Amino acid sequence: MPPVLVPRWIQLVLLPLAILGAYALARAAGPVLLLFIVAGLIALLLNPFVTLLRRRRFPRGLAVLTVFLTLIVVLGAIGLLVATPIADQISAFQRSVPDIVDNANEELAALQGWLDRNDIGLQVKEQGETALQTLGSRIAEGSGDLVAFTREALTLLVEASFALILVVVLAVYMLLYGERIGEVVRSVVPRGDGTPADDFPARVQAAVFGYVRGQLLFSSIMGFSAGLMLYVLGSVGIFEQGKTYALFFGIFYGLAELIPYIGPVIGGAPAGITALLSSNPIDALWLFIAFVALQQIEGHIVAPQVFGHSLRINPLLVIAALLLGGQLYGIVGAFIALPIAAILRETVVYLRRHVALEPWGPAPALVGAGLGSPGGRPPCPECGTPLAPGARSCPACGTELGDPDAARAATSTAPG
């Protein structure tokens, strides 16, 4: 397909206006824009399954309903499969909290005795016992009593529920009108050659699907690796609780990997705190070394291999996208930053293939393709002004041109 030529004056006018308009829209829209972005990403992720059912002659509305119901059933089944063993391990962990706190208090008492014997005026026992007792009672009470539902917390819960409902409704409507939305997008961007590899909506959808597939694979690998590491450490006598609660710690670590930046720290926190409060606090040091080694493997081997194939974005741009998303919308912004970056990458690649900006000087390639002077004649070799067929001199600078063959010969020797 021939590229669409954008004149220079349009570039000068539209580029700053587009930048200012996008900035103003983002500032004015705020949370509303965020809801549409999240809903759009969900719709892009689920649309391949809707398309698959459409090929089976499902009506589009029934296909959307089937996909959402299937998603709910699958998530519920996964929850039921992992809920029972995780609940058992959490209950066992809560029952062991008093013993862990008692052991930590004994260690504090021994440390305080050593400080007193060496005339070091530092009191750690009383404050440490109070903090440990408070922490232990909080953990033993269970997650349901950890948060006092004040008016602000209840308001936040209601707002989050409404936001979730709006996201689901918006995603449903986007899926219902997905074909129309795709045609509108195709009418705005330059046309491709008709194949899925050169279809802009298809490329965007593949980018989002690839990112989500890569993120789930990455979290699964890291969660399994963390659980296996803790089980092995517990089996050899280092941090014995790691063997007992390997499933809980592993799943928690894998889920925490979904959170950009701070995910690995949050994922390793429960195991680290448990080791620190155990009867052998030196296990916390070994556990810290093990998690650092795991994160090095994650950052240098697993992440480049997984996201290198799913995103195909320079690591510097990935970091910049995460920082910008977190700055604009916090944790949610960091969540959606990478799929949006993948969409922007596909947009740039597609437009570079199908859009040609009018050059800011002579462009022999475009002129030779018939996009320069009328009739395909080379421009003036001195000033680059397009020439009319049969012109003997340049209307701009007055250069004598002679016949067209001589003009072409002069152009080939003129400086670019």
Protein backbone atom coordinates (compact mmCIF):
# COMPACT_ATOMS: atom_id res chain seq x y z
CA MET A 1 0.00 0.00 0.00
CA PRO A 2 1.42 3.43 -0.90
CA PRO A 3 2.22 5.66 2.10
CA VAL A 4 0.05 8.64 2.96
CA LEU A 5 2.03 11.86 2.53
CA VAL A 6 1.49 14.44 5.31
CA PRO A 7 2.50 18.00 4.20
CA ARG A 8 4.91 20.01 6.33
CA TRP A 9 2.41 22.71 7.25
CA ILE A 10 0.01 20.11 8.62
CA GLN A 11 2.82 18.62 10.68
CA LEU A 12 3.70 22.04 12.12
CA VAL A 13 0.10 22.81 13.05
CA LEU A 14 -1.22 19.45 14.19
CA LEU A 15 1.74 18.13 16.18
CA PRO A 16 1.76 20.78 18.96
CA LEU A 17 -2.05 20.87 18.97
CA ALA A 18 -2.19 17.10 19.35
CA ILE A 19 0.27 17.16 22.24
CA LEU A 20 -1.56 19.96 24.05
CA GLY A 21 -4.94 18.35 23.40
CA ALA A 22 -3.84 14.97 24.72
CA TYR A 23 -2.37 16.58 27.83
CA ALA A 24 -5.51 18.65 28.48
CA LEU A 25 -7.76 15.65 27.96
CA ALA A 26 -5.75 13.48 30.32
CA ARG A 27 -5.83 16.14 33.05
CA ALA A 28 -9.54 16.84 32.63
CA ALA A 29 -10.66 13.24 32.36
CA GLY A 30 -8.74 11.91 35.36
CA PRO A 31 -10.43 8.86 36.92
CA VAL A 32 -12.99 8.64 34.09
CA LEU A 33 -10.20 8.12 31.57
CA LEU A 34 -8.68 5.49 33.84
CA LEU A 35 -11.97 3.54 33.93
CA PHE A 36 -12.20 3.55 30.13
CA ILE A 37 -8.57 2.48 29.78
CA VAL A 38 -8.99 -0.46 32.16
CA ALA A 39 -12.25 -1.49 30.49
CA GLY A 40 -10.64 -1.23 27.06
CA LEU A 41 -7.75 -3.45 28.10
CA ILE A 42 -10.16 -6.05 29.49
CA ALA A 43 -12.20 -5.93 26.28
CA LEU A 44 -9.08 -6.34 24.14
CA LEU A 45 -8.06 -9.32 26.26
CA LEU A 46 -11.44 -11.06 26.01
CA ASN A 47 -12.24 -10.18 22.40
CA PRO A 48 -10.29 -13.14 20.88
CA PHE A 49 -12.55 -15.54 22.78
CA VAL A 50 -15.65 -13.66 21.60
CA THR A 51 -14.35 -13.84 18.04
CA LEU A 52 -13.78 -17.57 18.41
CA LEU A 53 -17.41 -18.08 19.48
CA ARG A 54 -18.59 -15.84 16.65
CA ARG A 55 -16.93 -18.22 14.21
CA ARG A 56 -19.04 -20.96 15.80
CA ARG A 57 -22.12 -18.94 14.71
CA PHE A 58 -22.84 -17.55 18.20
CA PRO A 59 -24.71 -14.22 18.21
CA ARG A 60 -22.36 -11.52 19.50
CA GLY A 61 -24.41 -10.81 22.63
CA LEU A 62 -24.55 -14.51 23.53
CA ALA A 63 -20.83 -14.84 22.82
CA VAL A 64 -20.00 -11.96 25.21
CA LEU A 65 -22.26 -13.43 27.92
CA THR A 66 -20.69 -16.87 27.48
CA VAL A 67 -17.16 -15.48 27.76
CA PHE A 68 -17.92 -13.55 30.96
CA LEU A 69 -19.73 -16.49 32.57
CA THR A 70 -16.86 -18.80 31.63
CA LEU A 71 -14.38 -16.34 33.12
CA ILE A 72 -16.35 -16.21 36.39
CA VAL A 73 -16.56 -20.02 36.55
CA VAL A 74 -12.84 -20.47 35.83
CA LEU A 75 -11.80 -17.90 38.45
CA GLY A 76 -14.19 -19.45 40.97
CA ALA A 77 -12.85 -22.94 40.29
CA ILE A 78 -9.26 -21.78 40.71
CA GLY A 79 -10.25 -20.06 43.95
CA LEU A 80 -11.87 -23.24 45.28
CA LEU A 81 -8.86 -25.36 44.34
CA VAL A 82 -6.34 -23.20 46.15
CA ALA A 83 -8.59 -21.84 48.92
CA THR A 84 -8.66 -24.96 51.10
CA PRO A 85 -4.90 -25.68 51.29
CA ILE A 86 -4.10 -21.98 51.66
CA ALA A 87 -6.72 -21.58 54.39
CA ASP A 88 -5.27 -24.59 56.22
CA GLN A 89 -1.77 -23.16 56.06
CA ILE A 90 -2.95 -19.72 57.18
CA SER A 91 -4.77 -21.27 60.16
CA ALA A 92 -1.70 -23.28 61.09
CA PHE A 93 0.45 -20.17 60.76
CA GLN A 94 -1.91 -18.20 63.02
CA ARG A 95 -1.81 -20.96 65.64
CA SER A 96 1.98 -20.91 65.61
CA VAL A 97 2.19 -17.12 66.04
CA PRO A 98 2.17 -17.20 69.90
CA ASP A 99 5.13 -19.62 69.92
CA ILE A 100 7.00 -17.45 67.42
CA VAL A 101 6.37 -14.36 69.58
CA ASP A 102 7.50 -16.19 72.75
CA ASN A 103 10.72 -17.28 71.07
CA ALA A 104 11.34 -13.72 69.88
CA ASN A 105 10.74 -12.42 73.42
CA GLU A 106 13.31 -14.87 74.79
CA GLU A 107 15.83 -13.65 72.24
CA LEU A 108 15.09 -10.05 73.24
CA ALA A 109 15.55 -10.92 76.91
CA ALA A 110 18.91 -12.53 76.16
CA LEU A 111 19.95 -9.48 74.14
CA GLN A 112 18.87 -7.13 76.95
CA GLY A 113 20.82 -9.19 79.50
CA TRP A 114 23.96 -8.94 77.36
CA LEU A 115 23.49 -5.16 77.04
CA ASP A 116 23.03 -4.80 80.82
CA ARG A 117 26.09 -6.92 81.60
CA ASN A 118 28.20 -4.73 79.35
CA ASP A 119 26.82 -1.49 80.87
CA ILE A 120 25.21 -0.41 77.58
CA GLY A 121 22.33 1.90 78.40
CA LEU A 122 19.96 0.68 75.71
CA GLN A 123 16.51 -0.68 76.50
CA VAL A 124 15.12 -3.02 73.84
CA LYS A 125 13.23 -5.62 75.82
CA GLU A 126 10.17 -3.67 76.92
CA GLN A 127 9.60 -1.88 73.62
CA GLY A 128 10.29 -5.05 71.64
CA GLU A 129 7.94 -7.17 73.73
CA THR A 130 5.16 -4.61 73.33
CA ALA A 131 5.63 -4.43 69.55
CA LEU A 132 5.81 -8.21 69.19
CA GLN A 133 2.74 -8.74 71.34
CA THR A 134 0.78 -6.24 69.28
CA LEU A 135 1.95 -7.80 66.02
CA GLY A 136 1.17 -11.30 67.21
CA SER A 137 -2.33 -10.43 68.39
CA ARG A 138 -3.07 -8.68 65.12
CA ILE A 139 -1.99 -11.68 63.06
CA ALA A 140 -3.77 -14.17 65.29
CA GLU A 141 -7.03 -12.24 65.13
CA GLY A 142 -7.26 -12.82 61.40
CA SER A 143 -7.47 -10.51 58.42
CA GLY A 144 -11.11 -9.68 59.08
CA ASP A 145 -10.22 -7.77 62.25
CA LEU A 146 -7.11 -6.05 60.96
CA VAL A 147 -8.96 -3.04 59.54
CA ALA A 148 -11.44 -0.92 61.45
CA PHE A 149 -14.08 0.01 58.92
CA THR A 150 -14.28 3.72 59.53
CA ARG A 151 -16.38 6.08 57.45
CA GLU A 152 -13.45 6.75 55.10
CA ALA A 153 -12.73 3.06 54.62
CA LEU A 154 -16.40 2.32 53.93
CA THR A 155 -16.56 5.18 51.44
CA LEU A 156 -13.49 3.84 49.66
CA LEU A 157 -15.03 0.38 49.51
CA VAL A 158 -18.24 1.72 47.98
CA GLU A 159 -16.33 3.79 45.42
CA ALA A 160 -14.19 0.81 44.47
CA SER A 161 -17.32 -1.34 44.04
CA PHE A 162 -18.93 1.24 41.76
CA ALA A 163 -15.71 1.56 39.78
CA LEU A 164 -15.55 -2.22 39.32
CA ILE A 165 -19.17 -2.33 38.15
CA LEU A 166 -18.54 0.51 35.70
CA VAL A 167 -15.44 -1.21 34.34
CA VAL A 168 -17.39 -4.44 33.76
CA VAL A 169 -20.29 -2.59 32.09
CA LEU A 170 -17.92 -0.59 29.87
CA ALA A 171 -16.02 -3.75 28.91
CA VAL A 172 -19.29 -5.50 28.00
CA TYR A 173 -20.38 -2.62 25.77
CA MET A 174 -16.96 -2.46 24.15
CA LEU A 175 -17.18 -6.16 23.36
CA LEU A 176 -20.74 -5.84 22.03
CA TYR A 177 -19.70 -3.04 19.67
CA GLY A 178 -16.22 -4.41 19.07
CA GLU A 179 -16.67 -4.88 15.32
CA ARG A 180 -17.96 -1.33 14.87
CA ILE A 181 -15.16 0.08 17.00
CA GLY A 182 -12.66 -1.82 14.89
CA GLU A 183 -14.11 -0.40 11.67
CA VAL A 184 -13.99 3.13 13.07
CA VAL A 185 -10.33 2.66 14.00
CA ARG A 186 -9.56 1.29 10.54
CA SER A 187 -11.22 4.31 8.95
CA VAL A 188 -9.02 6.68 10.97
CA VAL A 189 -5.61 5.03 10.48
CA PRO A 190 -4.13 4.26 7.05
CA ARG A 191 -5.37 1.00 5.57
CA GLY A 192 -3.19 -2.08 5.75
CA ASP A 193 -2.90 -4.84 3.18
CA GLY A 194 -5.84 -6.76 4.64
CA THR A 195 -3.86 -9.47 6.46
CA PRO A 196 -4.00 -9.85 10.27
CA ALA A 197 -0.30 -9.00 10.47
CA ASP A 198 -1.00 -5.62 8.84
CA ASP A 199 -4.33 -4.83 10.53
CA PHE A 200 -4.02 -2.16 13.23
CA PRO A 201 -6.81 -3.36 15.62
CA ALA A 202 -5.54 -6.94 15.33
CA ARG A 203 -1.98 -5.87 16.15
CA VAL A 204 -3.14 -3.88 19.20
CA GLN A 205 -5.22 -6.79 20.45
CA ALA A 206 -2.29 -9.19 20.00
CA ALA A 207 0.00 -6.82 21.94
CA VAL A 208 -2.34 -6.69 24.96
CA PHE A 209 -2.97 -10.43 24.87
CA GLY A 210 0.75 -11.11 24.65
CA TYR A 211 1.48 -8.87 27.63
CA VAL A 212 -1.14 -10.51 29.86
CA ARG A 213 0.01 -13.97 28.83
CA GLY A 214 3.61 -13.00 29.61
CA GLN A 215 2.68 -11.47 32.99
CA LEU A 216 0.70 -14.53 34.11
CA LEU A 217 3.51 -16.84 32.99
CA PHE A 218 6.07 -14.69 34.79
CA SER A 219 4.07 -14.60 38.06
CA SER A 220 3.49 -18.35 37.91
CA ILE A 221 7.18 -19.09 37.37
CA MET A 222 8.27 -16.80 40.21
CA GLY A 223 5.61 -18.06 42.62
CA PHE A 224 6.54 -21.67 41.94
CA SER A 225 10.25 -20.87 42.26
CA ALA A 226 9.75 -19.08 45.59
CA GLY A 227 7.66 -21.92 47.02
CA LEU A 228 10.16 -24.53 45.86
CA MET A 229 13.07 -22.52 47.27
CA LEU A 230 11.41 -22.23 50.70
CA TYR A 231 10.52 -25.94 50.70
CA VAL A 232 14.13 -26.89 49.92
CA LEU A 233 15.48 -24.53 52.60
CA GLY A 234 13.08 -25.99 55.15
CA SER A 235 14.04 -29.54 54.16
CA VAL A 236 17.74 -28.90 54.81
CA GLY A 237 17.07 -27.29 58.21
CA ILE A 238 17.14 -23.61 57.23
CA PHE A 239 13.84 -21.88 58.08
CA GLU A 240 11.77 -24.98 58.81
CA GLN A 241 8.50 -23.01 58.52
CA GLY A 242 9.30 -22.58 54.83
CA LYS A 243 8.62 -26.28 54.26
CA THR A 244 5.39 -26.15 56.24
CA TYR A 245 3.97 -23.03 54.56
CA ALA A 246 5.63 -23.35 51.13
CA LEU A 247 2.31 -23.32 49.26
CA PHE A 248 1.02 -20.19 51.01
CA PHE A 249 4.31 -18.30 50.70
CA GLY A 250 4.72 -19.32 47.05
CA ILE A 251 1.23 -18.26 45.96
CA PHE A 252 1.54 -15.00 47.88
CA TYR A 253 4.90 -14.30 46.20
CA GLY A 254 3.45 -15.02 42.76
CA LEU A 255 0.48 -12.71 43.31
CA ALA A 256 2.76 -9.98 44.64
CA GLU A 257 4.80 -10.16 41.42
CA LEU A 258 1.79 -8.61 39.68
CA ILE A 259 2.60 -5.37 41.53
CA PRO A 260 5.34 -3.41 39.75
CA TYR A 261 8.49 -2.36 41.62
CA ILE A 262 7.53 -3.34 45.16
CA GLY A 263 6.05 -6.75 44.32
CA PRO A 264 9.15 -8.83 45.16
CA VAL A 265 9.60 -7.02 48.49
CA ILE A 266 5.95 -7.54 49.45
CA GLY A 267 6.08 -11.16 48.32
CA GLY A 268 9.02 -12.04 50.52
CA ALA A 269 7.86 -10.06 53.57
CA PRO A 270 5.70 -12.78 55.28
CA ALA A 271 8.48 -15.38 55.10
CA GLY A 272 11.10 -12.84 56.21
CA ILE A 273 9.08 -11.66 59.22
CA THR A 274 8.35 -15.25 60.24
CA ALA A 275 12.05 -16.14 60.06
CA LEU A 276 13.01 -13.02 62.02
CA LEU A 277 10.60 -13.91 64.84
CA SER A 278 11.54 -17.58 64.95
CA SER A 279 13.78 -19.26 67.52
CA ASN A 280 16.70 -18.99 65.09
CA PRO A 281 16.76 -15.42 63.72
CA ILE A 282 19.88 -16.23 61.68
CA ASP A 283 17.44 -17.96 59.29
CA ALA A 284 16.26 -14.49 58.29
CA LEU A 285 19.75 -13.72 56.97
CA TRP A 286 19.86 -16.92 54.91
CA LEU A 287 16.34 -16.19 53.68
CA PHE A 288 17.34 -12.67 52.69
CA ILE A 289 20.29 -14.03 50.68
CA ALA A 290 18.05 -16.61 49.02
CA PHE A 291 15.44 -14.03 48.00
CA VAL A 292 18.14 -11.68 46.67
CA ALA A 293 19.50 -14.52 44.55
CA LEU A 294 15.98 -15.34 43.34
CA GLN A 295 15.36 -11.73 42.38
CA GLN A 296 18.66 -11.63 40.48
CA ILE A 297 17.56 -14.67 38.49
CA GLU A 298 14.18 -12.99 38.01
CA GLY A 299 15.65 -9.73 36.75
CA HIS A 300 18.44 -11.11 34.55
CA ILE A 301 17.01 -14.39 33.20
CA VAL A 302 13.27 -14.86 33.67
CA ALA A 303 11.95 -11.33 33.06
CA PRO A 304 14.01 -10.60 29.90
CA GLN A 305 13.06 -13.94 28.39
CA VAL A 306 9.35 -13.65 29.16
CA PHE A 307 8.72 -9.93 28.57
CA GLY A 308 11.24 -9.72 25.75
CA HIS A 309 8.93 -11.91 23.67
CA SER A 310 5.63 -10.48 24.91
CA LEU A 311 6.38 -6.73 24.90
CA ARG A 312 9.37 -6.25 22.57
CA ILE A 313 10.08 -2.90 24.26
CA ASN A 314 13.43 -1.50 25.34
CA PRO A 315 13.93 -1.96 29.13
CA LEU A 316 14.50 1.80 29.55
CA LEU A 317 11.09 2.48 28.01
CA VAL A 318 9.55 -0.15 30.29
CA ILE A 319 10.95 1.62 33.35
CA ALA A 320 9.83 5.01 32.03
CA ALA A 321 6.31 3.67 31.39
CA LEU A 322 6.06 2.24 34.91
CA LEU A 323 7.27 5.49 36.48
CA LEU A 324 4.87 7.60 34.44
CA GLY A 325 1.91 5.31 35.11
CA GLY A 326 2.63 5.27 38.83
CA GLN A 327 2.99 9.05 38.90
CA LEU A 328 -0.35 9.59 37.15
CA TYR A 329 -2.57 6.92 38.71
CA GLY A 330 -0.59 5.22 41.48
CA ILE A 331 -0.57 1.42 41.70
CA VAL A 332 -3.37 1.09 39.13
CA GLY A 333 -1.42 3.29 36.73
CA ALA A 334 1.65 1.11 37.14
CA PHE A 335 -0.51 -1.96 36.43
CA ILE A 336 -1.77 -0.63 33.10
CA ALA A 337 1.43 1.15 32.06
CA LEU A 338 3.04 -1.79 30.29
CA PRO A 339 0.04 -2.88 28.18
CA ILE A 340 -0.44 0.75 27.13
CA ALA A 341 3.26 0.91 26.24
CA ALA A 342 2.80 -2.23 24.14
CA ILE A 343 -0.14 -0.60 22.34
CA LEU A 344 1.89 2.57 21.69
CA ARG A 345 4.72 0.47 20.29
CA GLU A 346 2.39 -1.28 17.85
CA THR A 347 0.92 2.10 16.87
CA VAL A 348 4.36 3.55 16.11
CA VAL A 349 5.40 0.48 14.11
CA TYR A 350 2.18 0.52 12.10
CA LEU A 351 2.30 4.25 11.35
CA ARG A 352 5.97 4.09 10.35
CA ARG A 353 5.00 1.48 7.79
CA HIS A 354 2.03 3.37 6.33
CA VAL A 355 2.69 7.09 6.88
CA ALA A 356 5.42 9.17 5.24
CA LEU A 357 6.09 12.70 6.48
CA GLU A 358 6.87 15.23 3.79
CA PRO A 359 10.64 15.78 4.01
CA TRP A 360 12.19 19.09 5.03
CA GLY A 361 14.38 19.21 1.93
CA PRO A 362 14.87 17.45 -1.40
CA ALA A 363 13.82 13.81 -1.26
CA PRO A 364 15.00 11.98 -4.36
CA ALA A 365 13.32 8.74 -3.31
CA LEU A 366 9.87 10.37 -3.06
CA VAL A 367 10.43 12.41 -6.20
CA GLY A 368 11.40 9.33 -8.13
CA ALA A 369 8.24 7.64 -6.87
CA GLY A 370 6.09 10.43 -8.32
CA LEU A 371 5.53 12.27 -5.03
CA GLY A 372 7.67 15.33 -5.82
CA SER A 373 7.45 17.53 -8.90
CA PRO A 374 4.43 17.26 -11.21
CA GLY A 375 4.95 14.66 -13.90
CA GLY A 376 7.73 13.01 -11.91
CA ARG A 377 10.37 15.61 -13.05
CA PRO A 378 13.28 16.17 -10.60
CA PRO A 379 13.18 19.43 -8.56
CA CYS A 380 15.55 22.35 -9.06
CA PRO A 381 19.13 21.21 -8.30
CA GLU A 382 19.86 24.52 -6.51
CA CYS A 383 16.84 25.23 -4.30
CA GLY A 384 14.72 22.03 -4.55
CA THR A 385 11.60 23.80 -5.89
CA PRO A 386 9.18 21.46 -7.75
CA LEU A 387 9.24 22.07 -11.50
CA ALA A 388 6.51 21.94 -14.08
CA PRO A 389 7.01 19.57 -17.03
CA GLY A 390 9.08 21.21 -19.81
CA ALA A 391 10.35 24.12 -17.64
CA ARG A 392 13.65 25.59 -18.87
CA SER A 393 14.40 27.63 -15.71
CA CYS A 394 13.52 27.51 -12.02
CA PRO A 395 10.68 29.94 -11.16
CA ALA A 396 12.11 30.46 -7.66
CA CYS A 397 15.84 31.02 -8.15
CA GLY A 398 16.08 31.47 -11.95
CA THR A 399 18.55 28.64 -12.49
CA GLU A 400 18.78 27.61 -16.14
CA LEU A 401 17.72 23.98 -16.42
CA GLY A 402 17.82 23.07 -20.05
CA ASP A 403 15.99 19.97 -21.14
CA PRO A 404 14.63 17.40 -18.60
CA ASP A 405 17.45 14.94 -19.23
CA ALA A 406 20.03 17.62 -18.40
CA ALA A 407 18.07 18.55 -15.28
CA ARG A 408 18.13 14.94 -14.08
CA ALA A 409 21.86 14.76 -14.70
CA ALA A 410 22.40 17.99 -12.73
CA THR A 411 20.28 16.69 -9.85
CA SER A 412 22.37 13.53 -9.58
CA THR A 413 25.48 15.65 -8.96
CA ALA A 414 23.87 18.30 -6.74
CA PRO A 415 24.54 18.26 -2.99
CA GLY A 416 21.75 16.59 -0.92
